């Protein structure tokens, strides 16, 4: 198993702890179980990113929240965001994170293409918006701003 402590992130850098996420191998893939509070209600993009860092980094000429994490985990260099169930895209694409009316997220998701060994040492990113599992009409599922992150250990 593996675990990530999740912090809020913004233009000032890494903020307070808002929860944890655990990762466990199953015969069907990687079970990702959040225990997170204080998130905006709704559906959020949820991805494994290449680097085990959550801080600020330059993006499009400005310092931006969470860009130290790099891009979505894509070991085959597909360059395609196709969601968790399509084998032709990023391996780091997870099912969406669902946040209830109370601001809590606890619904587990299954990532059929991943194992704990693939994610340890990388980061888990939560985006402001949802994810349509496509690069159209917006790249990377359209999730937008990075709002929370944790390094997977």
C-alpha atoms as a PDB file:
ATOM      1  CA  UNK A   1       0.000   0.000   0.000  1.00  0.00           C
ATOM      2  CA  UNK A   2       0.930   3.674  -0.277  1.00  0.00           C
ATOM      3  CA  UNK A   3      -0.413   6.921   1.128  1.00  0.00           C
ATOM      4  CA  UNK A   4      -0.465  10.624   0.297  1.00  0.00           C
ATOM      5  CA  UNK A   5      -1.123  13.476   2.683  1.00  0.00           C
ATOM      6  CA  UNK A   6      -3.179  16.006   0.710  1.00  0.00           C
ATOM      7  CA  UNK A   7      -2.648  19.753   1.095  1.00  0.00           C
ATOM      8  CA  UNK A   8      -4.536  22.626  -0.437  1.00  0.00           C
ATOM      9  CA  UNK A   9      -2.401  24.542  -2.947  1.00  0.00           C
ATOM     10  CA  UNK A  10      -2.671  28.013  -4.445  1.00  0.00           C
ATOM     11  CA  UNK A  11      -0.541  30.843  -5.835  1.00  0.00           C
ATOM     12  CA  UNK A  12       1.129  31.185  -2.419  1.00  0.00           C
ATOM     13  CA  UNK A  13       2.338  27.561  -2.499  1.00  0.00           C
ATOM     14  CA  UNK A  14       1.431  24.547  -0.394  1.00  0.00           C
ATOM     15  CA  UNK A  15      -1.265  25.225   2.205  1.00  0.00           C
ATOM     16  CA  UNK A  16      -2.784  23.275   5.095  1.00  0.00           C
ATOM     17  CA  UNK A  17      -3.431  19.534   5.208  1.00  0.00           C
ATOM     18  CA  UNK A  18      -6.984  18.685   4.101  1.00  0.00           C
ATOM     19  CA  UNK A  19      -6.822  14.883   4.215  1.00  0.00           C
ATOM     20  CA  UNK A  20      -5.201  11.695   3.007  1.00  0.00           C
ATOM     21  CA  UNK A  21      -5.507   9.234   0.148  1.00  0.00           C
ATOM     22  CA  UNK A  22      -4.542   5.567   0.377  1.00  0.00           C
ATOM     23  CA  UNK A  23      -3.516   3.331  -2.514  1.00  0.00           C
ATOM     24  CA  UNK A  24      -3.922  -0.435  -2.505  1.00  0.00           C
ATOM     25  CA  UNK A  25      -3.316  -3.047  -5.187  1.00  0.00           C
ATOM     26  CA  UNK A  26      -6.280  -5.262  -6.042  1.00  0.00           C
ATOM     27  CA  UNK A  27      -6.702  -7.897  -8.731  1.00  0.00           C
ATOM     28  CA  UNK A  28      -8.669  -5.282 -10.715  1.00  0.00           C
ATOM     29  CA  UNK A  29      -6.089  -2.494 -10.464  1.00  0.00           C
ATOM     30  CA  UNK A  30      -5.222   0.252  -8.011  1.00  0.00           C
ATOM     31  CA  UNK A  31      -7.863   1.143  -5.411  1.00  0.00           C
ATOM     32  CA  UNK A  32      -7.561   4.853  -4.580  1.00  0.00           C
ATOM     33  CA  UNK A  33      -9.421   5.782  -1.384  1.00  0.00           C
ATOM     34  CA  UNK A  34      -9.719   9.469  -0.445  1.00  0.00           C
ATOM     35  CA  UNK A  35     -10.442  10.855   3.008  1.00  0.00           C
ATOM     36  CA  UNK A  36     -10.417  14.564   2.196  1.00  0.00           C
ATOM     37  CA  UNK A  37     -12.351  17.564   3.540  1.00  0.00           C
ATOM     38  CA  UNK A  38     -12.719  21.240   2.648  1.00  0.00           C
ATOM     39  CA  UNK A  39     -13.004  20.827  -1.116  1.00  0.00           C
ATOM     40  CA  UNK A  40     -15.510  22.558  -3.407  1.00  0.00           C
ATOM     41  CA  UNK A  41     -18.669  20.487  -3.939  1.00  0.00           C
ATOM     42  CA  UNK A  42     -18.868  18.598  -7.241  1.00  0.00           C
ATOM     43  CA  UNK A  43     -16.716  16.554  -9.581  1.00  0.00           C
ATOM     44  CA  UNK A  44     -12.977  17.173  -9.876  1.00  0.00           C
ATOM     45  CA  UNK A  45     -10.174  16.029 -12.151  1.00  0.00           C
ATOM     46  CA  UNK A  46      -8.009  13.575 -10.206  1.00  0.00           C
ATOM     47  CA  UNK A  47      -4.632  12.514 -11.625  1.00  0.00           C
ATOM     48  CA  UNK A  48      -1.241  11.007 -10.870  1.00  0.00           C
ATOM     49  CA  UNK A  49       1.473  13.487 -11.906  1.00  0.00           C
ATOM     50  CA  UNK A  50       5.089  12.641 -12.810  1.00  0.00           C
ATOM     51  CA  UNK A  51       7.023  14.303 -10.032  1.00  0.00           C
ATOM     52  CA  UNK A  52       6.745  13.903  -6.278  1.00  0.00           C
ATOM     53  CA  UNK A  53       6.349  17.623  -5.569  1.00  0.00           C
ATOM     54  CA  UNK A  54       3.407  19.974  -5.037  1.00  0.00           C
ATOM     55  CA  UNK A  55       4.920  23.448  -4.939  1.00  0.00           C
ATOM     56  CA  UNK A  56       4.885  26.396  -7.279  1.00  0.00           C
ATOM     57  CA  UNK A  57       6.616  26.276 -10.665  1.00  0.00           C
ATOM     58  CA  UNK A  58       6.530  28.335 -13.819  1.00  0.00           C
ATOM     59  CA  UNK A  59       3.676  27.751 -16.252  1.00  0.00           C
ATOM     60  CA  UNK A  60       3.045  29.981 -19.273  1.00  0.00           C
ATOM     61  CA  UNK A  61       5.467  32.592 -17.915  1.00  0.00           C
ATOM     62  CA  UNK A  62       3.938  32.814 -14.411  1.00  0.00           C
ATOM     63  CA  UNK A  63       4.399  30.952 -11.151  1.00  0.00           C
ATOM     64  CA  UNK A  64       1.454  28.590 -10.765  1.00  0.00           C
ATOM     65  CA  UNK A  65       0.081  26.306  -8.047  1.00  0.00           C
ATOM     66  CA  UNK A  66       1.174  22.679  -8.182  1.00  0.00           C
ATOM     67  CA  UNK A  67       3.258  22.870 -11.348  1.00  0.00           C
ATOM     68  CA  UNK A  68       6.285  21.405  -9.526  1.00  0.00           C
ATOM     69  CA  UNK A  69       4.374  18.107  -9.942  1.00  0.00           C
ATOM     70  CA  UNK A  70       4.938  18.153 -13.688  1.00  0.00           C
ATOM     71  CA  UNK A  71       2.514  16.592 -16.148  1.00  0.00           C
ATOM     72  CA  UNK A  72       0.188  13.610 -15.933  1.00  0.00           C
ATOM     73  CA  UNK A  73       2.063  10.320 -15.491  1.00  0.00           C
ATOM     74  CA  UNK A  74       2.583   9.091 -19.074  1.00  0.00           C
ATOM     75  CA  UNK A  75       5.367   6.466 -19.167  1.00  0.00           C
ATOM     76  CA  UNK A  76       4.575   5.481 -22.772  1.00  0.00           C
ATOM     77  CA  UNK A  77       4.778   9.155 -23.876  1.00  0.00           C
ATOM     78  CA  UNK A  78       1.366   9.004 -25.571  1.00  0.00           C
ATOM     79  CA  UNK A  79       0.717  12.706 -25.052  1.00  0.00           C
ATOM     80  CA  UNK A  80      -3.013  11.893 -24.856  1.00  0.00           C
ATOM     81  CA  UNK A  81      -5.522  12.421 -22.050  1.00  0.00           C
ATOM     82  CA  UNK A  82      -8.067   9.645 -22.552  1.00  0.00           C
ATOM     83  CA  UNK A  83      -9.202   8.780 -19.037  1.00  0.00           C
ATOM     84  CA  UNK A  84      -8.567   5.787 -16.807  1.00  0.00           C
ATOM     85  CA  UNK A  85     -10.192   3.104 -18.963  1.00  0.00           C
ATOM     86  CA  UNK A  86      -8.455   3.723 -22.299  1.00  0.00           C
ATOM     87  CA  UNK A  87      -5.039   2.081 -22.686  1.00  0.00           C
ATOM     88  CA  UNK A  88      -3.900   4.557 -25.368  1.00  0.00           C
ATOM     89  CA  UNK A  89      -3.358   7.553 -23.096  1.00  0.00           C
ATOM     90  CA  UNK A  90      -1.809   8.760 -19.849  1.00  0.00           C
ATOM     91  CA  UNK A  91      -1.555   6.036 -17.213  1.00  0.00           C
ATOM     92  CA  UNK A  92      -2.009   8.720 -14.543  1.00  0.00           C
ATOM     93  CA  UNK A  93      -5.582   9.546 -15.563  1.00  0.00           C
ATOM     94  CA  UNK A  94      -7.859   8.507 -12.681  1.00  0.00           C
ATOM     95  CA  UNK A  95     -11.643   8.376 -12.409  1.00  0.00           C
ATOM     96  CA  UNK A  96     -13.064  11.710 -11.224  1.00  0.00           C
ATOM     97  CA  UNK A  97     -13.093  12.634  -7.548  1.00  0.00           C
ATOM     98  CA  UNK A  98     -16.612  13.234  -6.241  1.00  0.00           C
ATOM     99  CA  UNK A  99     -17.031  15.757  -3.407  1.00  0.00           C
ATOM    100  CA  UNK A 100     -20.316  15.703  -1.520  1.00  0.00           C
ATOM    101  CA  UNK A 101     -22.431  18.620  -0.277  1.00  0.00           C
ATOM    102  CA  UNK A 102     -20.426  18.626   2.972  1.00  0.00           C
ATOM    103  CA  UNK A 103     -17.139  19.251   1.123  1.00  0.00           C
ATOM    104  CA  UNK A 104     -15.869  15.751   1.871  1.00  0.00           C
ATOM    105  CA  UNK A 105     -14.545  13.167  -0.589  1.00  0.00           C
ATOM    106  CA  UNK A 106     -14.474   9.530   0.517  1.00  0.00           C
ATOM    107  CA  UNK A 107     -15.720   7.557  -2.492  1.00  0.00           C
ATOM    108  CA  UNK A 108     -12.984   5.128  -3.633  1.00  0.00           C
ATOM    109  CA  UNK A 109     -12.050   4.898  -7.313  1.00  0.00           C
ATOM    110  CA  UNK A 110     -10.394   2.086  -9.250  1.00  0.00           C
ATOM    111  CA  UNK A 111      -7.537   2.727 -11.690  1.00  0.00           C
ATOM    112  CA  UNK A 112      -7.318  -0.489 -13.734  1.00  0.00           C
ATOM    113  CA  UNK A 113      -3.980   0.336 -15.426  1.00  0.00           C
ATOM    114  CA  UNK A 114      -2.012   1.182 -12.272  1.00  0.00           C
ATOM    115  CA  UNK A 115      -0.281  -0.548  -9.358  1.00  0.00           C
ATOM    116  CA  UNK A 116       1.243   0.883  -6.166  1.00  0.00           C
ATOM    117  CA  UNK A 117       4.741   0.501  -7.656  1.00  0.00           C
ATOM    118  CA  UNK A 118       3.721   2.869 -10.503  1.00  0.00           C
ATOM    119  CA  UNK A 119       2.561   5.714  -8.257  1.00  0.00           C
ATOM    120  CA  UNK A 120       4.936   5.694  -5.275  1.00  0.00           C
ATOM    121  CA  UNK A 121       7.190   8.782  -5.385  1.00  0.00           C
ATOM    122  CA  UNK A 122       4.816  10.667  -7.688  1.00  0.00           C
ATOM    123  CA  UNK A 123       2.120  13.195  -6.780  1.00  0.00           C
ATOM    124  CA  UNK A 124      -1.662  13.055  -6.692  1.00  0.00           C
ATOM    125  CA  UNK A 125      -3.354  16.193  -8.033  1.00  0.00           C
ATOM    126  CA  UNK A 126      -6.911  17.475  -7.596  1.00  0.00           C
ATOM    127  CA  UNK A 127      -8.166  20.033 -10.097  1.00  0.00           C
ATOM    128  CA  UNK A 128     -10.784  22.741  -9.642  1.00  0.00           C
ATOM    129  CA  UNK A 129     -13.066  21.455 -12.423  1.00  0.00           C
ATOM    130  CA  UNK A 130     -14.233  18.088 -13.694  1.00  0.00           C
ATOM    131  CA  UNK A 131     -12.663  15.781 -16.260  1.00  0.00           C
ATOM    132  CA  UNK A 132     -14.242  14.698 -19.538  1.00  0.00           C
ATOM    133  CA  UNK A 133     -11.466  12.112 -20.225  1.00  0.00           C
ATOM    134  CA  UNK A 134     -10.475  13.872 -23.434  1.00  0.00           C
ATOM    135  CA  UNK A 135      -8.222  16.613 -24.786  1.00  0.00           C
ATOM    136  CA  UNK A 136     -11.224  18.257 -26.496  1.00  0.00           C
ATOM    137  CA  UNK A 137     -12.633  20.856 -26.173  1.00  0.00           C
ATOM    138  CA  UNK A 138      -9.955  21.647 -23.538  1.00  0.00           C
ATOM    139  CA  UNK A 139      -6.645  19.850 -22.943  1.00  0.00           C
ATOM    140  CA  UNK A 140      -6.218  17.361 -20.097  1.00  0.00           C
ATOM    141  CA  UNK A 141      -9.929  16.881 -19.497  1.00  0.00           C
ATOM    142  CA  UNK A 142     -10.654  20.545 -18.803  1.00  0.00           C
ATOM    143  CA  UNK A 143     -10.047  20.371 -15.047  1.00  0.00           C
ATOM    144  CA  UNK A 144      -8.238  23.685 -14.934  1.00  0.00           C
ATOM    145  CA  UNK A 145      -6.544  25.053 -11.837  1.00  0.00           C
ATOM    146  CA  UNK A 146      -4.676  22.710  -9.499  1.00  0.00           C
ATOM    147  CA  UNK A 147      -6.250  23.091  -6.025  1.00  0.00           C
ATOM    148  CA  UNK A 148      -4.868  20.219  -3.904  1.00  0.00           C
ATOM    149  CA  UNK A 149      -1.899  17.880  -4.044  1.00  0.00           C
ATOM    150  CA  UNK A 150      -0.022  15.208  -2.144  1.00  0.00           C
ATOM    151  CA  UNK A 151       3.191  13.248  -2.598  1.00  0.00           C
ATOM    152  CA  UNK A 152       2.618   9.485  -2.664  1.00  0.00           C
ATOM    153  CA  UNK A 153       4.813   7.556  -0.215  1.00  0.00           C
END
